[in-house]
Amino acid sequence: MSIPYSDKKIIVMYCKMTKSKLLCSYIFIMRKGIAMKDNNGSVQPIDRVLDIFETLSAAPQGLTLSDLAAATSLHVSTAHRLLASLANRGYVRKDAENGKYRLTLRIYEISRRVSTVLNLFSASKPLLEKLSNDVKEIVHLVERDGNEVVYLHKFEPLFRPISITSSVGLHNPMYCTGVGKSIMAYLPEKEVRAIWDGTQVIPFTPKTITTSTPTYFQDGNGNYIYGFMQDDTGEKLYTAVQSAVDAARKEGAKYVIAMAHLGIEADCQPWTSSDVIVNTSGIDVVLDGHSHSTIAGDIVKNKEGKDVILTSTGTKLANIGCLTITADGKLSTALINDDGMGDTIAEIKSGYEEIVNTVVASTKVELTVNDPVSGERMVRRQETNLGDLCADAYRAMSGADIAVVNGGGIRVSIPAGDITYGQIIAVHPFGNEMCVVEATGQQILDALEMGARNAPGECGGFLQVSGMSYEIDLNVEPTVEVNADGMFTGVSGEYRVKNVKVGDEPLDLAKTYTLASHNYMLKSAGDGMAMFQGCTLLQDSVMIDNQVLINYIVDVLGGVVGEDYADPYGQGRITVIEKK
């Protein structure tokens, strides 16, 4: 039996949750075909890998290659080959000083995912029971299982006149269930397309969606119905919102509650939630979700001078928002921060405190995302030392010519002193994975221009770089063009990104470079970076981003971030030319 090279993987693990049991099945595919089992039904290459894991787990100080080979009864060359593969995947690290191998915290990351699933029911049970009784509706706890959802538990209110026929253990396609659609709403478009293409679509009801995912937001001619309304004045957004409000009122809505993801920061103008309120009429309450600020029921005057409630719960589950409509029609909002949730979260977090507080390295300097003078966030608009460090990590660990990291993916500063694993996770909390592609100089220039289009304002796609340098001339107005989905389509005028160099050489627009970053930008066109779609993928999801950063600091910098990164404004890789 032969297998196409592109399909070959060392190990593929498939896990699913059924009731309280975690069932796992394994498919083992080796480079020269299907792995053979021994007489006991075990797969020898896998047994060897697991022997290495178990032996290293009992030796926290690490083992030399010879000691590990002896302990696992492996030939030295075999042990070395397996260790090299594990190191490449981020599971094992070799100490540069003593040559000993030891497990990384990558194992913890995987165990955390499994334990999270196993603890899902116990952690969510009191909250979901309360929700079910409060709204007097049936609440389901589900888990995705491929292109389906499996019902793990069913919470029924104490009193409900009408019941729903559903059962624990039932599997349903994602496309035709409310819970499945909710999960798909937060998946990348590519993954949603894959789910759709891999599902036999059957109309269970007259309302069942039976057209392909890309048409959800398109009219009969293939034109997108919705967009980001990104004009300079905000009028496109205000007009669209007003149209939706008017339609709701026309259909008899007594109240209009707007759910927004806009924020109130000055850099978001003219598209803030406050701007929308001021320039429209008919909205009663705006519940905002972008701003990390806590807004406890502020009153903003709308276009007609009427009061509109604006509220936001903040971030990290600090509060739960509550909207109340009284019998006499009065509306009010409140923030609840003592509903037993804090205790539940604290209990879950306590199980991981020892690991997240583990010291993995140290830094002699503060590594920052903020301007040390103003205190304002600057990682999304100019170079910072932490941005340099993160980009350097990608380049060093991949061996690519250059590396880029989006400023929006670098979340918090690291103070001088010990660096814990938890701090590294906080810097890169999204679980993105390192990739390397072949990209032309033109594609790289387009990416830099896309990231710099809002300068001196913020942009989540602003690129921190390694192995290269560039200038942003603010005297040149941005002419980046995007489609209705916010994806880069081209530059209509002069580039404001100038004097781009790779090392000491000018960027060659026709030359092909190896470029390291993560899957979010290089594979999923995150932050609108569509210019990389179709690029040849050289390394695919090699290592999770926080492990990339840890390995760089430990293995390359010797465990200490030194004076090379002392300047909070970076090493002069990005120069912003102010307006004259």
Protein backbone atom coordinates (compact mmCIF):
# COMPACT_ATOMS: atom_id res chain seq x y z
CA MET A 1 0.00 0.00 0.00
CA SER A 2 1.46 3.34 -1.01
CA ILE A 3 0.59 6.72 0.45
CA PRO A 4 1.12 10.10 -1.29
CA TYR A 5 4.03 11.93 0.27
CA SER A 6 1.87 14.93 1.12
CA ASP A 7 -0.36 12.66 3.22
CA LYS A 8 2.43 11.10 5.26
CA LYS A 9 2.48 11.95 8.96
CA ILE A 10 4.32 10.32 11.81
CA ILE A 11 1.33 10.06 14.12
CA VAL A 12 -2.29 11.03 13.71
CA MET A 13 -4.42 10.96 16.88
CA TYR A 14 -8.19 11.18 16.85
CA CYS A 15 -9.98 11.72 20.13
CA LYS A 16 -13.65 12.14 20.91
CA MET A 17 -15.65 12.66 24.06
CA THR A 18 -18.61 10.38 24.75
CA LYS A 19 -20.35 11.03 28.02
CA SER A 20 -17.62 10.77 30.65
CA LYS A 21 -15.11 8.76 28.66
CA LEU A 22 -12.40 10.01 26.39
CA LEU A 23 -12.02 7.54 23.55
CA CYS A 24 -8.89 7.66 21.43
CA SER A 25 -7.99 5.77 18.31
CA TYR A 26 -4.72 6.01 16.52
CA ILE A 27 -3.62 5.89 12.92
CA PHE A 28 0.06 5.33 12.48
CA ILE A 29 1.51 6.17 9.07
CA MET A 30 5.22 5.97 8.51
CA ARG A 31 7.24 7.36 5.60
CA LYS A 32 7.42 4.00 3.84
CA GLY A 33 3.90 2.83 4.43
CA ILE A 34 1.74 1.60 7.26
CA ALA A 35 3.52 0.90 10.51
CA MET A 36 3.57 -2.78 11.47
CA LYS A 37 2.25 -4.13 14.74
CA ASP A 38 4.07 -6.70 16.82
CA ASN A 39 2.52 -9.87 18.18
CA ASN A 40 1.06 -8.03 21.15
CA GLY A 41 -0.79 -5.57 18.94
CA SER A 42 1.49 -2.62 19.72
CA VAL A 43 3.24 -0.48 17.12
CA GLN A 44 6.99 -0.64 17.67
CA PRO A 45 7.96 2.89 16.48
CA ILE A 46 5.28 4.37 18.70
CA ASP A 47 6.33 2.24 21.63
CA ARG A 48 9.85 3.64 21.27
CA VAL A 49 8.58 7.23 21.28
CA LEU A 50 6.42 6.55 24.33
CA ASP A 51 9.37 4.89 26.09
CA ILE A 52 11.34 8.10 25.56
CA PHE A 53 8.49 10.21 26.95
CA GLU A 54 8.09 8.03 30.03
CA THR A 55 11.83 7.81 30.72
CA LEU A 56 12.37 11.58 30.39
CA SER A 57 9.32 12.31 32.55
CA ALA A 58 11.05 10.44 35.40
CA ALA A 59 14.24 12.46 34.93
CA PRO A 60 13.36 16.17 35.31
CA GLN A 61 17.06 17.12 35.24
CA GLY A 62 17.43 15.48 31.85
CA LEU A 63 19.42 12.58 30.41
CA THR A 64 22.30 12.36 27.98
CA LEU A 65 21.81 10.56 24.69
CA SER A 66 23.77 7.52 25.84
CA ASP A 67 21.95 7.31 29.18
CA LEU A 68 18.57 7.63 27.49
CA ALA A 69 19.46 4.98 24.90
CA ALA A 70 20.55 2.60 27.65
CA ALA A 71 17.44 3.24 29.74
CA THR A 72 15.11 2.59 26.80
CA SER A 73 17.13 -0.30 25.27
CA LEU A 74 17.43 1.65 22.03
CA HIS A 75 20.40 1.88 19.72
CA VAL A 76 22.08 5.26 20.10
CA SER A 77 21.40 6.19 16.46
CA THR A 78 17.72 5.28 16.82
CA ALA A 79 17.37 7.29 20.00
CA HIS A 80 19.11 10.26 18.39
CA ARG A 81 16.81 10.14 15.35
CA LEU A 82 13.67 10.01 17.50
CA LEU A 83 14.93 12.80 19.77
CA ALA A 84 15.66 15.00 16.76
CA SER A 85 12.09 14.56 15.52
CA LEU A 86 10.66 15.29 18.96
CA ALA A 87 12.87 18.36 19.31
CA ASN A 88 11.75 19.60 15.91
CA ARG A 89 8.13 19.32 17.06
CA GLY A 90 8.91 21.12 20.31
CA TYR A 91 8.42 18.18 22.69
CA VAL A 92 12.06 17.75 23.70
CA ARG A 93 14.86 20.26 24.29
CA LYS A 94 18.60 19.71 24.47
CA ASP A 95 20.52 21.66 27.09
CA ALA A 96 23.33 23.50 25.30
CA GLU A 97 25.62 23.37 28.37
CA ASN A 98 25.44 19.74 29.49
CA GLY A 99 23.98 18.06 26.39
CA LYS A 100 21.11 16.53 28.35
CA TYR A 101 17.66 16.05 26.87
CA ARG A 102 14.48 16.85 28.74
CA LEU A 103 10.80 17.28 28.04
CA THR A 104 9.42 20.73 27.30
CA LEU A 105 6.13 22.17 28.48
CA ARG A 106 4.62 21.20 25.13
CA ILE A 107 3.43 18.05 26.89
CA TYR A 108 1.63 20.23 29.42
CA GLU A 109 -0.09 22.13 26.63
CA ILE A 110 -1.55 18.92 25.24
CA SER A 111 -2.48 17.53 28.66
CA ARG A 112 -4.13 20.83 29.45
CA ARG A 113 -6.38 20.44 26.42
CA VAL A 114 -7.36 16.91 27.44
CA SER A 115 -7.93 17.82 31.09
CA THR A 116 -9.98 20.77 29.99
CA VAL A 117 -12.31 18.43 28.10
CA LEU A 118 -12.50 16.03 31.04
CA ASN A 119 -13.27 18.87 33.46
CA LEU A 120 -15.69 20.55 31.10
CA PHE A 121 -18.81 19.02 32.57
CA SER A 122 -17.97 19.59 36.24
CA ALA A 123 -16.84 23.17 35.62
CA SER A 124 -19.85 24.13 33.52
CA LYS A 125 -22.60 22.18 35.33
CA PRO A 126 -23.57 24.80 37.97
CA LEU A 127 -23.50 27.64 35.43
CA LEU A 128 -25.54 25.80 32.80
CA GLU A 129 -28.07 24.57 35.36
CA LYS A 130 -28.57 28.13 36.56
CA LEU A 131 -28.85 29.38 32.99
CA SER A 132 -31.46 26.73 32.17
CA ASN A 133 -33.57 27.62 35.22
CA ASP A 134 -33.20 31.37 34.72
CA VAL A 135 -34.33 31.38 31.06
CA LYS A 136 -36.63 28.33 31.53
CA GLU A 137 -35.22 26.70 28.44
CA ILE A 138 -33.32 23.50 27.72
CA VAL A 139 -29.56 24.02 27.56
CA HIS A 140 -27.24 21.55 25.86
CA LEU A 141 -23.56 20.95 26.50
CA VAL A 142 -21.97 19.77 23.27
CA GLU A 143 -18.56 18.96 21.85
CA ARG A 144 -17.51 19.03 18.22
CA ASP A 145 -16.86 15.60 16.72
CA GLY A 146 -15.52 16.09 13.18
CA ASN A 147 -18.33 17.57 11.08
CA GLU A 148 -20.87 16.80 13.78
CA VAL A 149 -21.69 17.78 17.34
CA VAL A 150 -22.20 15.23 20.09
CA TYR A 151 -24.53 16.08 22.98
CA LEU A 152 -22.65 15.54 26.25
CA HIS A 153 -25.40 16.64 28.63
CA LYS A 154 -28.88 18.09 28.67
CA PHE A 155 -29.95 20.62 31.29
CA GLU A 156 -33.72 21.02 31.71
CA PRO A 157 -35.38 23.76 33.79
CA LEU A 158 -37.43 22.84 36.83
CA PHE A 159 -40.59 23.88 34.98
CA ARG A 160 -41.09 24.11 31.23
CA PRO A 161 -44.41 23.42 29.50
CA ILE A 162 -42.83 22.40 26.19
CA SER A 163 -39.97 19.92 25.96
CA ILE A 164 -37.44 19.14 23.22
CA THR A 165 -36.73 15.61 22.10
CA SER A 166 -32.97 15.24 22.44
CA SER A 167 -30.70 12.76 24.10
CA VAL A 168 -27.17 12.59 25.49
CA GLY A 169 -24.82 10.86 23.07
CA LEU A 170 -26.78 11.96 20.00
CA HIS A 171 -24.74 13.07 16.99
CA ASN A 172 -26.06 15.73 14.60
CA PRO A 173 -24.48 17.52 11.64
CA MET A 174 -23.08 20.94 12.54
CA TYR A 175 -24.80 22.74 9.65
CA CYS A 176 -28.36 22.06 10.81
CA THR A 177 -28.14 22.62 14.57
CA GLY A 178 -28.02 25.85 16.54
CA VAL A 179 -25.06 24.67 18.63
CA GLY A 180 -23.21 23.54 15.51
CA LYS A 181 -23.74 26.87 13.78
CA SER A 182 -22.49 28.65 16.91
CA ILE A 183 -19.26 26.67 16.79
CA MET A 184 -18.82 27.23 13.06
CA ALA A 185 -19.33 30.98 13.49
CA TYR A 186 -15.96 31.17 15.30
CA LEU A 187 -14.00 28.90 12.95
CA PRO A 188 -11.75 30.10 10.10
CA GLU A 189 -13.54 30.28 6.75
CA LYS A 190 -11.30 27.55 5.30
CA GLU A 191 -12.32 25.16 8.07
CA VAL A 192 -16.02 25.98 7.65
CA ARG A 193 -15.70 25.26 3.93
CA ALA A 194 -14.08 21.90 4.73
CA ILE A 195 -16.91 20.99 7.10
CA TRP A 196 -19.48 21.90 4.47
CA ASP A 197 -17.72 20.02 1.69
CA GLY A 198 -17.39 16.93 3.91
CA THR A 199 -21.07 16.80 4.88
CA GLN A 200 -24.04 15.33 3.04
CA VAL A 201 -26.52 18.22 3.19
CA ILE A 202 -30.11 17.12 3.85
CA PRO A 203 -33.00 19.59 4.38
CA PHE A 204 -34.48 18.51 7.73
CA THR A 205 -36.91 21.46 7.74
CA PRO A 206 -38.06 24.05 5.17
CA LYS A 207 -35.64 26.49 6.85
CA THR A 208 -32.57 24.24 6.72
CA ILE A 209 -29.65 25.96 4.98
CA THR A 210 -28.69 23.85 1.99
CA THR A 211 -26.47 26.23 0.02
CA SER A 212 -22.69 26.35 0.40
CA THR A 213 -21.11 28.43 3.12
CA PRO A 214 -19.75 31.23 0.89
CA THR A 215 -23.29 32.13 -0.19
CA TYR A 216 -24.49 32.76 3.35
CA PHE A 217 -23.60 36.40 2.96
CA GLN A 218 -24.12 36.76 -0.79
CA ASP A 219 -27.06 37.65 -2.96
CA GLY A 220 -28.21 35.67 -6.00
CA ASN A 221 -25.50 37.28 -8.12
CA GLY A 222 -22.66 36.38 -5.79
CA ASN A 223 -22.28 39.90 -4.37
CA TYR A 224 -21.52 40.12 -0.66
CA ILE A 225 -24.41 41.53 1.34
CA TYR A 226 -22.32 42.46 4.37
CA GLY A 227 -18.97 44.19 4.70
CA PHE A 228 -16.84 46.20 7.11
CA MET A 229 -18.16 49.60 5.95
CA GLN A 230 -14.65 51.05 6.08
CA ASP A 231 -15.01 54.52 4.61
CA ASP A 232 -13.13 57.48 6.07
CA THR A 233 -16.21 59.20 7.48
CA GLY A 234 -18.06 56.26 9.01
CA GLU A 235 -21.19 57.16 7.02
CA LYS A 236 -21.37 53.75 5.32
CA LEU A 237 -21.49 52.08 8.74
CA TYR A 238 -24.04 54.52 10.16
CA THR A 239 -26.28 54.12 7.09
CA ALA A 240 -26.16 50.33 7.28
CA VAL A 241 -26.94 50.32 11.01
CA GLN A 242 -29.78 52.82 10.55
CA SER A 243 -31.27 50.69 7.80
CA ALA A 244 -31.23 47.61 10.04
CA VAL A 245 -32.78 49.54 12.95
CA ASP A 246 -35.52 50.96 10.73
CA ALA A 247 -36.32 47.51 9.38
CA ALA A 248 -36.60 46.08 12.89
CA ARG A 249 -38.90 48.90 14.00
CA LYS A 250 -41.04 48.48 10.89
CA GLU A 251 -41.56 44.82 11.76
CA GLY A 252 -42.84 45.78 15.19
CA ALA A 253 -39.78 45.70 17.45
CA LYS A 254 -40.49 47.55 20.72
CA TYR A 255 -36.81 47.60 21.64
CA VAL A 256 -33.65 47.55 19.56
CA ILE A 257 -30.56 46.18 21.28
CA ALA A 258 -27.33 46.50 19.28
CA MET A 259 -24.58 43.91 19.88
CA ALA A 260 -21.33 45.57 18.79
CA HIS A 261 -17.67 44.70 18.45
CA LEU A 262 -16.45 48.24 17.93
CA GLY A 263 -14.87 49.65 21.08
CA ILE A 264 -14.61 53.26 22.22
CA GLU A 265 -10.89 53.90 21.78
CA ALA A 266 -9.89 56.98 19.83
CA ASP A 267 -7.97 54.88 17.33
CA CYS A 268 -11.24 53.15 16.36
CA GLN A 269 -12.87 56.41 15.24
CA PRO A 270 -15.08 56.98 13.28
CA TRP A 271 -16.33 53.43 13.85
CA THR A 272 -16.67 53.39 17.65
CA SER A 273 -19.88 52.33 19.34
CA SER A 274 -20.29 55.92 20.54
CA ASP A 275 -19.98 57.19 16.96
CA VAL A 276 -22.72 54.78 15.85
CA ILE A 277 -25.05 55.98 18.60
CA VAL A 278 -24.46 59.67 17.89
CA ASN A 279 -25.10 59.23 14.17
CA THR A 280 -28.20 57.01 14.31
CA SER A 281 -31.62 56.90 15.95
CA GLY A 282 -33.87 54.14 17.22
CA ILE A 283 -31.33 52.09 19.18
CA ASP A 284 -32.17 51.65 22.86
CA VAL A 285 -29.06 49.88 24.16
CA VAL A 286 -25.60 49.10 22.75
CA LEU A 287 -23.77 46.16 24.29
CA ASP A 288 -20.15 46.56 23.18
CA GLY A 289 -17.65 43.74 23.11
CA HIS A 290 -14.45 45.09 21.61
CA SER A 291 -13.38 47.55 24.26
CA HIS A 292 -11.52 45.95 27.16
CA SER A 293 -12.70 48.88 29.27
CA THR A 294 -15.53 48.42 31.73
CA ILE A 295 -18.47 50.64 30.77
CA ALA A 296 -21.17 50.54 33.43
CA GLY A 297 -24.20 51.86 31.61
CA ASP A 298 -22.99 55.18 30.18
CA ILE A 299 -25.60 57.40 28.57
CA VAL A 300 -24.89 58.65 25.04
CA LYS A 301 -27.21 60.98 23.13
CA ASN A 302 -28.34 59.70 19.74
CA LYS A 303 -28.97 61.68 16.55
CA GLU A 304 -32.30 62.90 17.92
CA GLY A 305 -30.92 63.78 21.33
CA LYS A 306 -32.45 60.74 23.05
CA ASP A 307 -30.60 58.70 25.66
CA VAL A 308 -28.99 55.41 24.62
CA ILE A 309 -27.36 53.06 27.13
CA LEU A 310 -23.80 51.97 26.28
CA THR A 311 -22.24 49.19 28.34
CA SER A 312 -19.30 46.78 28.18
CA THR A 313 -18.28 44.02 30.59
CA GLY A 314 -14.55 44.45 30.16
CA THR A 315 -12.34 41.42 29.65
CA LYS A 316 -11.18 38.12 31.22
CA LEU A 317 -14.63 37.35 32.72
CA ALA A 318 -14.26 40.10 35.30
CA ASN A 319 -17.97 40.82 34.98
CA ILE A 320 -21.21 39.39 33.66
CA GLY A 321 -23.51 41.85 31.93
CA CYS A 322 -27.19 42.03 32.82
CA LEU A 323 -29.82 43.92 30.78
CA THR A 324 -33.15 44.47 32.52
CA ILE A 325 -36.45 45.55 30.95
CA THR A 326 -39.04 46.27 33.64
CA ALA A 327 -42.79 45.82 33.32
CA ASP A 328 -43.23 49.54 32.71
CA GLY A 329 -40.73 49.43 29.82
CA LYS A 330 -37.68 50.95 31.50
CA LEU A 331 -34.26 49.62 30.50
CA SER A 332 -31.14 49.37 32.62
CA THR A 333 -27.85 47.50 32.58
CA ALA A 334 -25.72 46.19 35.41
CA LEU A 335 -22.36 44.46 35.78
CA ILE A 336 -22.32 41.44 38.04
CA ASN A 337 -18.96 40.33 39.39
CA ASP A 338 -20.00 38.00 42.21
CA ASP A 339 -22.08 35.17 40.82
CA GLY A 340 -20.00 32.23 41.92
CA MET A 341 -18.11 32.33 38.64
CA GLY A 342 -15.00 33.71 40.27
CA ASP A 343 -14.79 30.70 42.59
CA THR A 344 -15.25 28.31 39.69
CA ILE A 345 -12.56 30.01 37.62
CA ALA A 346 -10.20 30.17 40.60
CA GLU A 347 -10.66 26.44 41.21
CA ILE A 348 -9.82 25.63 37.59
CA LYS A 349 -6.82 27.96 37.56
CA SER A 350 -5.40 26.60 40.81
CA GLY A 351 -4.68 23.26 39.17
CA TYR A 352 -2.26 24.89 36.79
CA GLU A 353 -0.62 27.50 39.01
CA GLU A 354 2.51 25.47 39.66
CA ILE A 355 3.19 24.97 35.99
CA VAL A 356 2.36 28.48 34.77
CA ASN A 357 4.52 29.91 37.57
CA THR A 358 7.49 27.77 36.54
CA VAL A 359 10.48 29.95 35.70
CA VAL A 360 11.73 29.14 32.20
CA ALA A 361 14.17 32.03 31.64
CA SER A 362 15.00 35.57 32.73
CA THR A 363 15.42 39.02 31.23
CA LYS A 364 17.76 41.82 32.25
CA VAL A 365 15.49 44.40 30.61
CA GLU A 366 11.80 45.13 30.43
CA LEU A 367 10.28 43.80 27.23
CA THR A 368 7.39 46.06 26.36
CA VAL A 369 4.34 46.51 24.16
CA ASN A 370 3.74 50.02 25.52
CA ASP A 371 5.47 53.36 25.13
CA PRO A 372 7.51 53.86 28.33
CA VAL A 373 6.85 57.62 28.22
CA SER A 374 3.14 57.85 27.42
CA GLY A 375 2.11 54.40 28.62
CA GLU A 376 0.11 53.95 25.41
CA ARG A 377 0.26 50.71 23.43
CA MET A 378 2.78 51.02 20.60
CA VAL A 379 3.36 47.43 19.39
CA ARG A 380 0.64 47.92 16.76
CA ARG A 381 2.13 51.11 15.29
CA GLN A 382 5.89 51.09 15.78
CA GLU A 383 8.85 48.90 16.66
CA THR A 384 9.30 47.63 20.23
CA ASN A 385 11.96 45.46 21.84
CA LEU A 386 9.44 42.70 22.56
CA GLY A 387 8.35 42.82 18.92
CA ASP A 388 11.99 42.40 17.89
CA LEU A 389 12.39 39.46 20.28
CA CYS A 390 9.28 37.66 19.03
CA ALA A 391 10.24 38.12 15.37
CA ASP A 392 13.81 37.03 16.07
CA ALA A 393 12.47 33.86 17.69
CA TYR A 394 10.55 32.91 14.55
CA ARG A 395 13.55 33.52 12.31
CA ALA A 396 16.06 31.73 14.52
CA MET A 397 13.91 28.67 15.17
CA SER A 398 12.87 28.30 11.53
CA GLY A 399 16.10 29.23 9.75
CA ALA A 400 14.14 31.49 7.37
CA ASP A 401 15.59 34.53 5.62
CA ILE A 402 13.19 36.88 7.37
CA ALA A 403 10.36 36.72 9.90
CA VAL A 404 7.33 38.87 10.64
CA VAL A 405 4.93 38.92 13.59
CA ASN A 406 1.68 40.89 13.74
CA GLY A 407 1.57 43.42 16.54
CA GLY A 408 -1.94 42.30 17.44
CA GLY A 409 -0.54 38.89 18.34
CA ILE A 410 1.87 40.31 20.95
CA ARG A 411 -0.37 41.00 23.91
CA VAL A 412 1.50 41.91 27.10
CA SER A 413 4.84 43.20 28.37
CA ILE A 414 7.37 41.17 30.37
CA PRO A 415 9.05 43.01 33.28
CA ALA A 416 12.75 42.59 34.01
CA GLY A 417 13.51 39.53 36.13
CA ASP A 418 12.43 35.92 35.98
CA ILE A 419 10.22 34.86 33.06
CA THR A 420 7.54 32.29 33.82
CA TYR A 421 5.78 29.99 31.44
CA GLY A 422 2.55 31.82 32.19
CA GLN A 423 4.09 35.12 31.08
CA ILE A 424 5.15 33.60 27.76
CA ILE A 425 1.63 32.28 27.19
CA ALA A 426 0.25 35.74 27.98
CA VAL A 427 2.48 37.23 25.27
CA HIS A 428 1.25 34.71 22.67
CA PRO A 429 -2.12 33.42 24.00
CA PHE A 430 -3.75 32.32 20.74
CA GLY A 431 -1.95 29.06 20.09
CA ASN A 432 -0.75 30.04 16.62
CA GLU A 433 1.82 27.73 15.05
CA MET A 434 5.04 28.58 13.24
CA CYS A 435 5.04 28.19 9.46
CA VAL A 436 7.50 29.04 6.70
CA VAL A 437 6.57 29.94 3.13
CA GLU A 438 8.31 31.05 -0.03
CA ALA A 439 7.28 34.65 -0.74
CA THR A 440 8.37 37.14 -3.34
CA GLY A 441 9.75 40.55 -2.47
CA GLN A 442 6.55 42.07 -3.87
CA GLN A 443 4.38 39.99 -1.55
CA ILE A 444 6.52 40.99 1.42
CA LEU A 445 6.31 44.68 0.45
CA ASP A 446 2.53 44.38 0.13
CA ALA A 447 2.32 42.84 3.61
CA LEU A 448 4.38 45.66 5.13
CA GLU A 449 2.18 48.23 3.36
CA MET A 450 -0.98 46.49 4.61
CA GLY A 451 0.33 46.59 8.17
CA ALA A 452 1.36 50.25 7.93
CA ARG A 453 -1.84 51.55 6.35
CA ASN A 454 -3.20 53.06 9.59
CA ALA A 455 0.07 54.58 10.81
CA PRO A 456 0.51 56.57 13.00
CA GLY A 457 -2.69 54.93 14.26
CA GLU A 458 -2.90 51.33 15.36
CA CYS A 459 -3.28 48.26 13.20
CA GLY A 460 -3.40 44.69 14.50
CA GLY A 461 -1.55 43.61 11.36
CA PHE A 462 1.35 46.03 11.91
CA LEU A 463 4.45 43.92 11.30
CA GLN A 464 7.34 43.55 13.72
CA VAL A 465 10.25 42.14 11.71
CA SER A 466 13.50 40.21 11.91
CA GLY A 467 16.22 39.96 9.28
CA MET A 468 14.98 43.10 7.57
CA SER A 469 14.26 46.80 8.06
CA TYR A 470 11.91 49.36 6.54
CA GLU A 471 10.63 52.93 6.71
CA ILE A 472 7.07 54.26 6.89
CA ASP A 473 6.69 57.70 5.29
CA LEU A 474 3.67 59.37 6.86
CA ASN A 475 3.84 62.07 4.19
CA VAL A 476 2.44 59.49 1.77
CA GLU A 477 -1.25 58.84 2.22
CA PRO A 478 -2.21 55.16 2.37
CA THR A 479 -3.77 53.69 -0.78
CA VAL A 480 -4.17 50.07 0.29
CA GLU A 481 -7.27 48.50 -1.23
CA VAL A 482 -9.27 45.74 0.46
CA ASN A 483 -12.39 43.82 -0.53
CA ALA A 484 -15.64 43.55 1.42
CA ASP A 485 -14.06 40.95 3.67
CA GLY A 486 -11.14 43.22 4.59
CA MET A 487 -8.71 41.17 2.49
CA PHE A 488 -5.81 42.90 0.73
CA THR A 489 -6.37 43.34 -3.02
CA GLY A 490 -3.67 45.84 -4.00
CA VAL A 491 -2.16 49.32 -3.67
CA SER A 492 -3.58 51.97 -5.97
CA GLY A 493 -0.96 54.67 -5.44
CA GLU A 494 2.47 55.30 -4.00
CA TYR A 495 3.73 52.94 -1.31
CA ARG A 496 4.30 54.63 2.03
CA VAL A 497 6.65 51.77 3.00
CA LYS A 498 10.09 52.70 1.69
CA ASN A 499 13.73 51.60 1.74
CA VAL A 500 13.04 47.96 2.62
CA LYS A 501 16.21 45.96 3.21
CA VAL A 502 16.84 42.27 3.80
CA GLY A 503 20.00 42.30 5.82
CA ASP A 504 22.05 45.01 4.12
CA GLU A 505 20.60 44.43 0.67
CA PRO A 506 17.58 46.23 -0.84
CA LEU A 507 14.46 44.09 -1.09
CA ASP A 508 14.30 42.52 -4.57
CA LEU A 509 10.65 42.49 -5.61
CA ALA A 510 11.22 39.65 -8.07
CA LYS A 511 13.29 37.47 -5.73
CA THR A 512 11.86 34.64 -3.66
CA TYR A 513 12.61 34.67 0.09
CA THR A 514 11.85 32.23 2.87
CA LEU A 515 9.46 33.92 5.28
CA ALA A 516 8.61 32.72 8.80
CA SER A 517 5.51 33.67 10.74
CA HIS A 518 2.47 31.74 11.93
CA ASN A 519 -0.52 29.96 10.43
CA TYR A 520 -2.92 32.81 11.22
CA MET A 521 -1.30 35.11 8.68
CA LEU A 522 0.48 32.78 6.28
CA LYS A 523 -2.28 30.16 5.89
CA SER A 524 -5.52 31.82 7.03
CA ALA A 525 -4.92 35.36 5.70
CA GLY A 526 -5.34 36.79 9.19
CA ASP A 527 -5.33 40.60 9.45
CA GLY A 528 -6.26 40.66 5.76
CA MET A 529 -2.86 39.31 4.61
CA ALA A 530 -4.29 37.68 1.49
CA MET A 531 -1.07 38.24 -0.48
CA PHE A 532 0.39 35.02 0.97
CA GLN A 533 -2.44 32.78 -0.23
CA GLY A 534 -1.04 30.22 -2.64
CA CYS A 535 2.56 30.57 -1.47
CA THR A 536 4.60 27.37 -1.33
CA LEU A 537 4.49 26.06 2.25
CA LEU A 538 7.93 24.86 3.39
CA GLN A 539 7.21 24.26 7.09
CA ASP A 540 3.66 23.69 8.26
CA SER A 541 2.63 24.23 11.90
CA VAL A 542 6.00 23.17 13.27
CA MET A 543 5.74 24.56 16.80
CA ILE A 544 3.26 26.60 18.85
CA ASP A 545 4.16 30.30 19.07
CA ASN A 546 4.85 30.50 22.80
CA GLN A 547 7.13 27.48 22.57
CA VAL A 548 8.97 29.21 19.72
CA LEU A 549 9.66 32.13 22.04
CA ILE A 550 10.72 29.92 24.95
CA ASN A 551 13.07 27.84 22.80
CA TYR A 552 14.69 30.95 21.32
CA ILE A 553 15.37 32.51 24.71
CA VAL A 554 16.61 29.26 26.26
CA ASP A 555 18.47 27.62 23.39
CA VAL A 556 19.77 30.62 21.45
CA LEU A 557 20.09 33.34 24.10
CA GLY A 558 21.22 30.95 26.84
CA GLY A 559 18.15 31.52 28.98
CA VAL A 560 18.71 35.25 29.44
CA VAL A 561 17.41 38.19 27.40
CA GLY A 562 20.27 40.66 27.53
CA GLU A 563 21.19 44.23 26.70
CA ASP A 564 20.74 43.71 22.95
CA TYR A 565 17.04 44.22 23.65
CA ALA A 566 17.45 47.05 26.17
CA ASP A 567 15.96 49.84 24.05
CA PRO A 568 12.15 49.73 24.40
CA TYR A 569 11.86 51.26 20.92
CA GLY A 570 13.78 48.38 19.39
CA GLN A 571 16.94 48.03 17.35
CA GLY A 572 16.17 50.51 14.57
CA ARG A 573 14.48 48.06 12.21
CA ILE A 574 11.40 50.25 11.64
CA THR A 575 11.69 53.99 11.06
CA VAL A 576 8.60 56.19 11.04
CA ILE A 577 9.10 59.41 9.03
CA GLU A 578 6.86 62.05 10.54
CA LYS A 579 4.74 64.40 8.46
CA LYS A 580 6.42 67.64 7.46
